[in-house]
Amino acid sequence: MGIPIKSPEQIELCRLSSLLVEKTLAAVATFLKPGVTGLQVDNLVEGFIRDSGAVPSFKNYNGFPYSICFSVNEQVVHGFPGKTAIVDGDIVSVDVGVYQNGFHGDFAYTFAVGEVSSEILQLLRVTKKAAFLGVEKAVQGNRVGAISQTVQQYAESFGFGVVRELVGHGVGENLHEAPEVPNYGKKFSGPVLRNGMVLAIEPMINLGKKEVNQLDDGWTIVARDGKPSAHFEHNVAVGINTYNLLSSYAEIETNIRKNSNLTFVD
């Protein structure tokens, strides 16, 4: 199957779904603090999405049992929200998908809870910047590899490990569409980007080495060396001369700044 091309009207529907993801993650940014459990966040998110007239994209997707991926510290992605309370110094990736009006929005933000070491804050800062640098390459005529190489070079210039086994993807009427968008690679590799493609660009960057393992739950991916991992994700439509960013961190970060239990990462 080829790579879906969206009309301007369909791209706007993707934007509306991404906007609801932003509002959902903004609610999480108000709620998170030491002592909160992943299951509490999952309940909050599912209720928020359904009350907004949408459906959680992840719930029962290929058997995934929750509405969010809640990945703490060395958990890279696809973590199960559980009964363990987060504590001061944790970092937590919260990945949310919503489905409304026939289209998905899907992006993630990694939160710093309480006092986090300068080394880990640097990991968060670099991963967030890498995601946006990748977004800037979502322009017609570039190849997917332009995104991949940009993310890899920036993250590795700080000595961090770029996870290979998991990739970004197209997003739209389906949660995961072509093309795959690796976070490593060569500039002139992969499919040519065309106006109207919608991508989820999501660097997964480890503080230590790039190697990962999968836990026995069949979902959770962890850094093999046990060091923390960060995950930031954006949704973007490929434009003719520039990118069209569909996701935003603005409301999320406004609420982070208001929440004394979280540390804002610039």
C-alpha atoms as a PDB file:
ATOM      1  CA  MET A   1       0.000   0.000   0.000  1.00  0.00           C
ATOM      2  CA  GLY A   2       1.272   3.470  -0.836  1.00  0.00           C
ATOM      3  CA  ILE A   3       1.733   6.427   1.467  1.00  0.00           C
ATOM      4  CA  PRO A   4      -1.586   8.236   2.077  1.00  0.00           C
ATOM      5  CA  ILE A   5      -1.866  11.821   0.844  1.00  0.00           C
ATOM      6  CA  LYS A   6      -4.361  13.973   2.738  1.00  0.00           C
ATOM      7  CA  SER A   7      -6.458  16.788   1.344  1.00  0.00           C
ATOM      8  CA  PRO A   8      -6.335  20.168   3.128  1.00  0.00           C
ATOM      9  CA  GLU A   9      -9.668  19.309   4.740  1.00  0.00           C
ATOM     10  CA  GLN A  10      -8.342  15.985   6.022  1.00  0.00           C
ATOM     11  CA  ILE A  11      -5.209  17.664   7.356  1.00  0.00           C
ATOM     12  CA  GLU A  12      -7.413  20.041   9.343  1.00  0.00           C
ATOM     13  CA  LEU A  13      -9.204  17.035  10.861  1.00  0.00           C
ATOM     14  CA  CYS A  14      -5.808  15.622  11.835  1.00  0.00           C
ATOM     15  CA  ARG A  15      -5.004  19.004  13.401  1.00  0.00           C
ATOM     16  CA  LEU A  16      -8.216  18.924  15.448  1.00  0.00           C
ATOM     17  CA  SER A  17      -7.332  15.472  16.763  1.00  0.00           C
ATOM     18  CA  SER A  18      -3.822  16.673  17.599  1.00  0.00           C
ATOM     19  CA  LEU A  19      -5.340  19.666  19.391  1.00  0.00           C
ATOM     20  CA  LEU A  20      -7.327  17.306  21.593  1.00  0.00           C
ATOM     21  CA  VAL A  21      -4.122  15.395  22.378  1.00  0.00           C
ATOM     22  CA  GLU A  22      -2.582  18.710  23.457  1.00  0.00           C
ATOM     23  CA  LYS A  23      -5.533  19.497  25.721  1.00  0.00           C
ATOM     24  CA  THR A  24      -5.381  15.984  27.167  1.00  0.00           C
ATOM     25  CA  LEU A  25      -1.666  16.214  27.911  1.00  0.00           C
ATOM     26  CA  ALA A  26      -2.239  19.682  29.355  1.00  0.00           C
ATOM     27  CA  ALA A  27      -4.670  18.091  31.816  1.00  0.00           C
ATOM     28  CA  VAL A  28      -1.981  15.534  32.657  1.00  0.00           C
ATOM     29  CA  ALA A  29       0.491  18.388  33.250  1.00  0.00           C
ATOM     30  CA  THR A  30      -1.864  19.802  35.875  1.00  0.00           C
ATOM     31  CA  PHE A  31      -2.434  16.415  37.531  1.00  0.00           C
ATOM     32  CA  LEU A  32       1.081  14.936  37.706  1.00  0.00           C
ATOM     33  CA  LYS A  33       2.957  15.031  41.006  1.00  0.00           C
ATOM     34  CA  PRO A  34       4.837  12.617  43.271  1.00  0.00           C
ATOM     35  CA  GLY A  35       2.434  10.002  44.610  1.00  0.00           C
ATOM     36  CA  VAL A  36       0.304   9.800  41.470  1.00  0.00           C
ATOM     37  CA  THR A  37       0.089   6.403  39.759  1.00  0.00           C
ATOM     38  CA  GLY A  38       0.032   5.582  36.082  1.00  0.00           C
ATOM     39  CA  LEU A  39      -3.408   4.041  36.455  1.00  0.00           C
ATOM     40  CA  GLN A  40      -4.727   7.312  37.869  1.00  0.00           C
ATOM     41  CA  VAL A  41      -3.350   9.155  34.851  1.00  0.00           C
ATOM     42  CA  ASP A  42      -4.825   6.546  32.511  1.00  0.00           C
ATOM     43  CA  ASN A  43      -8.261   6.987  34.090  1.00  0.00           C
ATOM     44  CA  LEU A  44      -7.958  10.764  33.841  1.00  0.00           C
ATOM     45  CA  VAL A  45      -6.997  10.594  30.170  1.00  0.00           C
ATOM     46  CA  GLU A  46      -9.666   8.126  29.124  1.00  0.00           C
ATOM     47  CA  GLY A  47     -12.350  10.169  30.829  1.00  0.00           C
ATOM     48  CA  PHE A  48     -11.088  13.425  29.330  1.00  0.00           C
ATOM     49  CA  ILE A  49     -11.003  12.030  25.803  1.00  0.00           C
ATOM     50  CA  ARG A  50     -14.423  10.385  25.995  1.00  0.00           C
ATOM     51  CA  ASP A  51     -15.965  13.474  27.598  1.00  0.00           C
ATOM     52  CA  SER A  52     -14.606  15.404  24.602  1.00  0.00           C
ATOM     53  CA  GLY A  53     -16.561  13.169  22.235  1.00  0.00           C
ATOM     54  CA  ALA A  54     -13.530  11.203  21.019  1.00  0.00           C
ATOM     55  CA  VAL A  55     -12.099   7.715  21.541  1.00  0.00           C
ATOM     56  CA  PRO A  56      -8.670   6.780  22.979  1.00  0.00           C
ATOM     57  CA  SER A  57      -6.714   5.478  19.988  1.00  0.00           C
ATOM     58  CA  PHE A  58      -4.525   3.130  22.020  1.00  0.00           C
ATOM     59  CA  LYS A  59      -7.238   1.332  24.011  1.00  0.00           C
ATOM     60  CA  ASN A  60      -7.358  -2.254  22.704  1.00  0.00           C
ATOM     61  CA  TYR A  61      -5.105  -1.374  19.748  1.00  0.00           C
ATOM     62  CA  ASN A  62      -3.527  -4.731  18.856  1.00  0.00           C
ATOM     63  CA  GLY A  63      -4.515  -5.806  22.349  1.00  0.00           C
ATOM     64  CA  PHE A  64      -2.944  -2.879  24.233  1.00  0.00           C
ATOM     65  CA  PRO A  65      -5.029  -2.697  27.420  1.00  0.00           C
ATOM     66  CA  TYR A  66      -4.772   1.008  28.321  1.00  0.00           C
ATOM     67  CA  SER A  67      -5.564   4.464  26.956  1.00  0.00           C
ATOM     68  CA  ILE A  68      -2.020   5.800  27.384  1.00  0.00           C
ATOM     69  CA  CYS A  69       1.538   4.613  27.244  1.00  0.00           C
ATOM     70  CA  PHE A  70       3.139   5.599  30.558  1.00  0.00           C
ATOM     71  CA  SER A  71       6.887   5.060  30.462  1.00  0.00           C
ATOM     72  CA  VAL A  72       8.982   5.907  33.527  1.00  0.00           C
ATOM     73  CA  ASN A  73      12.751   6.479  33.650  1.00  0.00           C
ATOM     74  CA  GLU A  74      14.483   3.608  31.795  1.00  0.00           C
ATOM     75  CA  GLN A  75      11.209   2.647  30.087  1.00  0.00           C
ATOM     76  CA  VAL A  76      11.544   3.951  26.539  1.00  0.00           C
ATOM     77  CA  VAL A  77       7.990   3.601  25.209  1.00  0.00           C
ATOM     78  CA  HIS A  78       4.833   1.464  25.460  1.00  0.00           C
ATOM     79  CA  GLY A  79       4.933   1.317  29.261  1.00  0.00           C
ATOM     80  CA  PHE A  80       1.869   0.051  31.117  1.00  0.00           C
ATOM     81  CA  PRO A  81       0.293   2.507  33.562  1.00  0.00           C
ATOM     82  CA  GLY A  82       0.335   0.665  36.869  1.00  0.00           C
ATOM     83  CA  LYS A  83      -0.203   1.061  40.606  1.00  0.00           C
ATOM     84  CA  THR A  84       3.324   2.236  41.421  1.00  0.00           C
ATOM     85  CA  ALA A  85       3.433   5.897  42.421  1.00  0.00           C
ATOM     86  CA  ILE A  86       5.855   8.213  40.661  1.00  0.00           C
ATOM     87  CA  VAL A  87       8.432   9.896  42.896  1.00  0.00           C
ATOM     88  CA  ASP A  88      10.496  13.043  42.932  1.00  0.00           C
ATOM     89  CA  GLY A  89      13.232  12.776  40.297  1.00  0.00           C
ATOM     90  CA  ASP A  90      11.318  10.519  37.888  1.00  0.00           C
ATOM     91  CA  ILE A  91      10.829  11.321  34.237  1.00  0.00           C
ATOM     92  CA  VAL A  92       7.600  10.118  32.653  1.00  0.00           C
ATOM     93  CA  SER A  93       6.761   9.840  28.969  1.00  0.00           C
ATOM     94  CA  VAL A  94       3.002  10.069  28.456  1.00  0.00           C
ATOM     95  CA  ASP A  95       1.960   9.067  24.929  1.00  0.00           C
ATOM     96  CA  VAL A  96      -1.643   9.783  23.952  1.00  0.00           C
ATOM     97  CA  GLY A  97      -3.709   9.041  20.865  1.00  0.00           C
ATOM     98  CA  VAL A  98      -7.219  10.241  20.087  1.00  0.00           C
ATOM     99  CA  TYR A  99      -9.626   9.327  17.322  1.00  0.00           C
ATOM    100  CA  GLN A 100     -12.362  11.705  16.237  1.00  0.00           C
ATOM    101  CA  ASN A 101     -14.009  12.682  12.955  1.00  0.00           C
ATOM    102  CA  GLY A 102     -12.310   9.732  11.267  1.00  0.00           C
ATOM    103  CA  PHE A 103      -8.715  10.766  12.030  1.00  0.00           C
ATOM    104  CA  HIS A 104      -6.112  10.137  14.710  1.00  0.00           C
ATOM    105  CA  GLY A 105      -3.842  12.481  16.596  1.00  0.00           C
ATOM    106  CA  ASP A 106      -0.880  10.856  18.332  1.00  0.00           C
ATOM    107  CA  PHE A 107       1.954  12.489  20.225  1.00  0.00           C
ATOM    108  CA  ALA A 108       3.942  12.294  23.418  1.00  0.00           C
ATOM    109  CA  TYR A 109       5.621  14.481  26.015  1.00  0.00           C
ATOM    110  CA  THR A 110       8.169  13.533  28.670  1.00  0.00           C
ATOM    111  CA  PHE A 111       7.588  15.201  32.034  1.00  0.00           C
ATOM    112  CA  ALA A 112      10.220  15.871  34.686  1.00  0.00           C
ATOM    113  CA  VAL A 113       8.770  15.245  38.152  1.00  0.00           C
ATOM    114  CA  GLY A 114      10.207  17.296  40.992  1.00  0.00           C
ATOM    115  CA  GLU A 115      13.976  17.790  41.152  1.00  0.00           C
ATOM    116  CA  VAL A 116      15.656  16.063  38.216  1.00  0.00           C
ATOM    117  CA  SER A 117      19.408  15.885  37.675  1.00  0.00           C
ATOM    118  CA  SER A 118      21.026  18.283  35.218  1.00  0.00           C
ATOM    119  CA  GLU A 119      22.187  15.333  33.117  1.00  0.00           C
ATOM    120  CA  ILE A 120      18.631  14.071  32.682  1.00  0.00           C
ATOM    121  CA  LEU A 121      17.286  17.563  32.030  1.00  0.00           C
ATOM    122  CA  GLN A 122      19.834  17.811  29.227  1.00  0.00           C
ATOM    123  CA  LEU A 123      18.528  14.516  27.793  1.00  0.00           C
ATOM    124  CA  LEU A 124      14.992  15.920  27.801  1.00  0.00           C
ATOM    125  CA  ARG A 125      16.089  19.207  26.276  1.00  0.00           C
ATOM    126  CA  VAL A 126      18.012  17.500  23.478  1.00  0.00           C
ATOM    127  CA  THR A 127      15.238  14.983  22.697  1.00  0.00           C
ATOM    128  CA  LYS A 128      12.616  17.723  22.503  1.00  0.00           C
ATOM    129  CA  LYS A 129      14.844  19.799  20.229  1.00  0.00           C
ATOM    130  CA  ALA A 130      15.611  16.748  18.072  1.00  0.00           C
ATOM    131  CA  ALA A 131      11.893  16.205  17.485  1.00  0.00           C
ATOM    132  CA  PHE A 132      11.444  19.774  16.276  1.00  0.00           C
ATOM    133  CA  LEU A 133      14.560  19.659  14.101  1.00  0.00           C
ATOM    134  CA  GLY A 134      13.079  16.563  12.487  1.00  0.00           C
ATOM    135  CA  VAL A 135       9.796  18.399  11.935  1.00  0.00           C
ATOM    136  CA  GLU A 136      11.641  21.138  10.038  1.00  0.00           C
ATOM    137  CA  LYS A 137      12.695  18.559   7.428  1.00  0.00           C
ATOM    138  CA  ALA A 138       9.077  17.576   6.652  1.00  0.00           C
ATOM    139  CA  VAL A 139       9.096  19.447   3.339  1.00  0.00           C
ATOM    140  CA  GLN A 140       8.194  18.169  -0.121  1.00  0.00           C
ATOM    141  CA  GLY A 141      11.215  16.866  -2.028  1.00  0.00           C
ATOM    142  CA  ASN A 142      13.168  15.765   1.019  1.00  0.00           C
ATOM    143  CA  ARG A 143      13.391  12.088   1.792  1.00  0.00           C
ATOM    144  CA  VAL A 144      12.373  10.502   5.077  1.00  0.00           C
ATOM    145  CA  GLY A 145      16.085  10.059   5.674  1.00  0.00           C
ATOM    146  CA  ALA A 146      16.495  13.821   6.005  1.00  0.00           C
ATOM    147  CA  ILE A 147      14.392  13.637   9.160  1.00  0.00           C
ATOM    148  CA  SER A 148      16.196  10.515  10.343  1.00  0.00           C
ATOM    149  CA  GLN A 149      19.704  11.887   9.848  1.00  0.00           C
ATOM    150  CA  THR A 150      18.860  15.220  11.479  1.00  0.00           C
ATOM    151  CA  VAL A 151      17.503  13.561  14.628  1.00  0.00           C
ATOM    152  CA  GLN A 152      20.398  11.104  14.866  1.00  0.00           C
ATOM    153  CA  GLN A 153      23.171  13.633  14.346  1.00  0.00           C
ATOM    154  CA  TYR A 154      21.775  16.078  16.865  1.00  0.00           C
ATOM    155  CA  ALA A 155      21.171  13.477  19.611  1.00  0.00           C
ATOM    156  CA  GLU A 156      24.469  11.681  19.082  1.00  0.00           C
ATOM    157  CA  SER A 157      26.395  14.972  19.167  1.00  0.00           C
ATOM    158  CA  PHE A 158      25.568  15.005  22.905  1.00  0.00           C
ATOM    159  CA  GLY A 159      26.679  11.399  23.366  1.00  0.00           C
ATOM    160  CA  PHE A 160      23.172   9.979  23.718  1.00  0.00           C
ATOM    161  CA  GLY A 161      21.927   6.677  22.293  1.00  0.00           C
ATOM    162  CA  VAL A 162      19.352   6.735  19.487  1.00  0.00           C
ATOM    163  CA  VAL A 163      16.952   3.787  19.710  1.00  0.00           C
ATOM    164  CA  ARG A 164      16.827   1.787  16.456  1.00  0.00           C
ATOM    165  CA  GLU A 165      14.053  -0.733  17.050  1.00  0.00           C
ATOM    166  CA  LEU A 166      11.169   1.769  17.191  1.00  0.00           C
ATOM    167  CA  VAL A 167      10.290   4.420  14.656  1.00  0.00           C
ATOM    168  CA  GLY A 168       7.906   7.242  13.848  1.00  0.00           C
ATOM    169  CA  HIS A 169       5.185   6.717  11.277  1.00  0.00           C
ATOM    170  CA  GLY A 170       2.445   8.142   9.156  1.00  0.00           C
ATOM    171  CA  VAL A 171      -0.792   8.955  10.949  1.00  0.00           C
ATOM    172  CA  GLY A 172      -4.315   9.749   9.757  1.00  0.00           C
ATOM    173  CA  GLU A 173      -7.321   7.531   9.204  1.00  0.00           C
ATOM    174  CA  ASN A 174      -5.194   4.787  10.740  1.00  0.00           C
ATOM    175  CA  LEU A 175      -3.105   5.172  13.880  1.00  0.00           C
ATOM    176  CA  HIS A 176      -0.042   3.807  12.108  1.00  0.00           C
ATOM    177  CA  GLU A 177       0.387   4.386   8.378  1.00  0.00           C
ATOM    178  CA  ALA A 178       3.240   4.385   5.919  1.00  0.00           C
ATOM    179  CA  PRO A 179       5.927   5.580   5.866  1.00  0.00           C
ATOM    180  CA  GLU A 180       8.065   4.471   8.784  1.00  0.00           C
ATOM    181  CA  VAL A 181      10.166   7.373  10.075  1.00  0.00           C
ATOM    182  CA  PRO A 182      13.345   6.091  11.748  1.00  0.00           C
ATOM    183  CA  ASN A 183      15.333   8.322  14.083  1.00  0.00           C
ATOM    184  CA  TYR A 184      18.588   7.311  12.429  1.00  0.00           C
ATOM    185  CA  GLY A 185      19.725   7.005   8.839  1.00  0.00           C
ATOM    186  CA  LYS A 186      21.065   8.797   5.789  1.00  0.00           C
ATOM    187  CA  LYS A 187      19.724  11.990   4.257  1.00  0.00           C
ATOM    188  CA  PHE A 188      18.955  10.502   0.848  1.00  0.00           C
ATOM    189  CA  SER A 189      17.348   7.256   2.095  1.00  0.00           C
ATOM    190  CA  GLY A 190      13.677   6.364   2.373  1.00  0.00           C
ATOM    191  CA  PRO A 191      10.614   7.545   0.465  1.00  0.00           C
ATOM    192  CA  VAL A 192      10.392  11.026  -1.003  1.00  0.00           C
ATOM    193  CA  LEU A 193       8.172  13.321   1.042  1.00  0.00           C
ATOM    194  CA  ARG A 194       5.151  14.741  -0.768  1.00  0.00           C
ATOM    195  CA  ASN A 195       2.768  17.554   0.056  1.00  0.00           C
ATOM    196  CA  GLY A 196      -0.131  16.175   2.128  1.00  0.00           C
ATOM    197  CA  MET A 197       1.671  13.362   3.922  1.00  0.00           C
ATOM    198  CA  VAL A 198       1.070  13.450   7.679  1.00  0.00           C
ATOM    199  CA  LEU A 199       3.802  12.105   9.943  1.00  0.00           C
ATOM    200  CA  ALA A 200       4.355  11.347  13.603  1.00  0.00           C
ATOM    201  CA  ILE A 201       8.001  12.188  14.297  1.00  0.00           C
ATOM    202  CA  GLU A 202       9.098  10.749  17.641  1.00  0.00           C
ATOM    203  CA  PRO A 203      12.707  10.572  18.794  1.00  0.00           C
ATOM    204  CA  MET A 204      13.330   7.969  21.507  1.00  0.00           C
ATOM    205  CA  ILE A 205      16.711   8.847  22.988  1.00  0.00           C
ATOM    206  CA  ASN A 206      18.599   7.033  25.744  1.00  0.00           C
ATOM    207  CA  LEU A 207      20.919   8.691  28.238  1.00  0.00           C
ATOM    208  CA  GLY A 208      23.278   5.763  27.802  1.00  0.00           C
ATOM    209  CA  LYS A 209      23.569   3.177  25.053  1.00  0.00           C
ATOM    210  CA  LYS A 210      21.037   2.693  22.275  1.00  0.00           C
ATOM    211  CA  GLU A 211      20.216  -0.964  22.940  1.00  0.00           C
ATOM    212  CA  VAL A 212      16.795  -1.894  24.335  1.00  0.00           C
ATOM    213  CA  ASN A 213      14.910  -4.908  25.630  1.00  0.00           C
ATOM    214  CA  GLN A 214      11.222  -5.784  25.692  1.00  0.00           C
ATOM    215  CA  LEU A 215       9.639  -6.802  28.996  1.00  0.00           C
ATOM    216  CA  ASP A 216       7.579  -9.941  29.484  1.00  0.00           C
ATOM    217  CA  ASP A 217       4.336  -7.968  29.175  1.00  0.00           C
ATOM    218  CA  GLY A 218       5.004  -7.979  25.424  1.00  0.00           C
ATOM    219  CA  TRP A 219       4.854  -4.183  25.179  1.00  0.00           C
ATOM    220  CA  THR A 220       7.158  -2.223  27.475  1.00  0.00           C
ATOM    221  CA  ILE A 221      10.507  -1.302  25.930  1.00  0.00           C
ATOM    222  CA  VAL A 222      13.358  -0.493  28.326  1.00  0.00           C
ATOM    223  CA  ALA A 223      16.921   0.736  27.935  1.00  0.00           C
ATOM    224  CA  ARG A 224      19.112  -2.319  28.286  1.00  0.00           C
ATOM    225  CA  ASP A 225      21.648  -0.484  30.474  1.00  0.00           C
ATOM    226  CA  GLY A 226      18.924   0.719  32.835  1.00  0.00           C
ATOM    227  CA  LYS A 227      19.595   4.409  32.244  1.00  0.00           C
ATOM    228  CA  PRO A 228      16.771   6.908  31.640  1.00  0.00           C
ATOM    229  CA  SER A 229      15.205   7.427  28.227  1.00  0.00           C
ATOM    230  CA  ALA A 230      13.245  10.385  26.816  1.00  0.00           C
ATOM    231  CA  HIS A 231      10.485  10.474  24.209  1.00  0.00           C
ATOM    232  CA  PHE A 232       8.973  13.493  22.481  1.00  0.00           C
ATOM    233  CA  GLU A 233       6.607  13.310  19.507  1.00  0.00           C
ATOM    234  CA  HIS A 234       5.046  15.756  17.070  1.00  0.00           C
ATOM    235  CA  ASN A 235       2.470  15.444  14.279  1.00  0.00           C
ATOM    236  CA  VAL A 236       3.315  17.331  11.092  1.00  0.00           C
ATOM    237  CA  ALA A 237       1.914  17.623   7.581  1.00  0.00           C
ATOM    238  CA  VAL A 238       4.446  17.828   4.769  1.00  0.00           C
ATOM    239  CA  GLY A 239       4.195  21.138   2.911  1.00  0.00           C
ATOM    240  CA  ILE A 240       5.472  22.334  -0.455  1.00  0.00           C
ATOM    241  CA  ASN A 241       7.988  24.865   0.835  1.00  0.00           C
ATOM    242  CA  THR A 242       7.693  24.402   4.569  1.00  0.00           C
ATOM    243  CA  TYR A 243       6.303  22.088   7.217  1.00  0.00           C
ATOM    244  CA  ASN A 244       2.796  22.351   8.695  1.00  0.00           C
ATOM    245  CA  LEU A 245       3.022  21.551  12.407  1.00  0.00           C
ATOM    246  CA  LEU A 246      -0.247  20.024  13.623  1.00  0.00           C
ATOM    247  CA  SER A 247       0.701  19.408  17.267  1.00  0.00           C
ATOM    248  CA  SER A 248       1.639  21.939  19.916  1.00  0.00           C
ATOM    249  CA  TYR A 249       3.197  21.836  23.366  1.00  0.00           C
ATOM    250  CA  ALA A 250       1.998  25.348  24.255  1.00  0.00           C
ATOM    251  CA  GLU A 251      -0.862  24.527  26.643  1.00  0.00           C
ATOM    252  CA  ILE A 252       1.042  21.569  28.093  1.00  0.00           C
ATOM    253  CA  GLU A 253       4.027  23.753  28.952  1.00  0.00           C
ATOM    254  CA  THR A 254       1.865  26.553  30.322  1.00  0.00           C
ATOM    255  CA  ASN A 255       0.480  24.051  32.811  1.00  0.00           C
ATOM    256  CA  ILE A 256       3.915  22.624  33.593  1.00  0.00           C
ATOM    257  CA  ARG A 257       5.083  26.097  34.577  1.00  0.00           C
ATOM    258  CA  LYS A 258       2.064  26.434  36.874  1.00  0.00           C
ATOM    259  CA  ASN A 259       2.645  23.049  38.527  1.00  0.00           C
ATOM    260  CA  SER A 260       5.257  23.348  41.297  1.00  0.00           C
ATOM    261  CA  ASN A 261       5.636  19.560  41.277  1.00  0.00           C
ATOM    262  CA  LEU A 262       7.062  19.542  37.728  1.00  0.00           C
ATOM    263  CA  THR A 263      10.222  21.024  36.213  1.00  0.00           C
ATOM    264  CA  PHE A 264       9.900  22.869  32.924  1.00  0.00           C
ATOM    265  CA  VAL A 265      12.461  21.922  30.290  1.00  0.00           C
ATOM    266  CA  ASP A 266      13.156  24.686  27.794  1.00  0.00           C
END
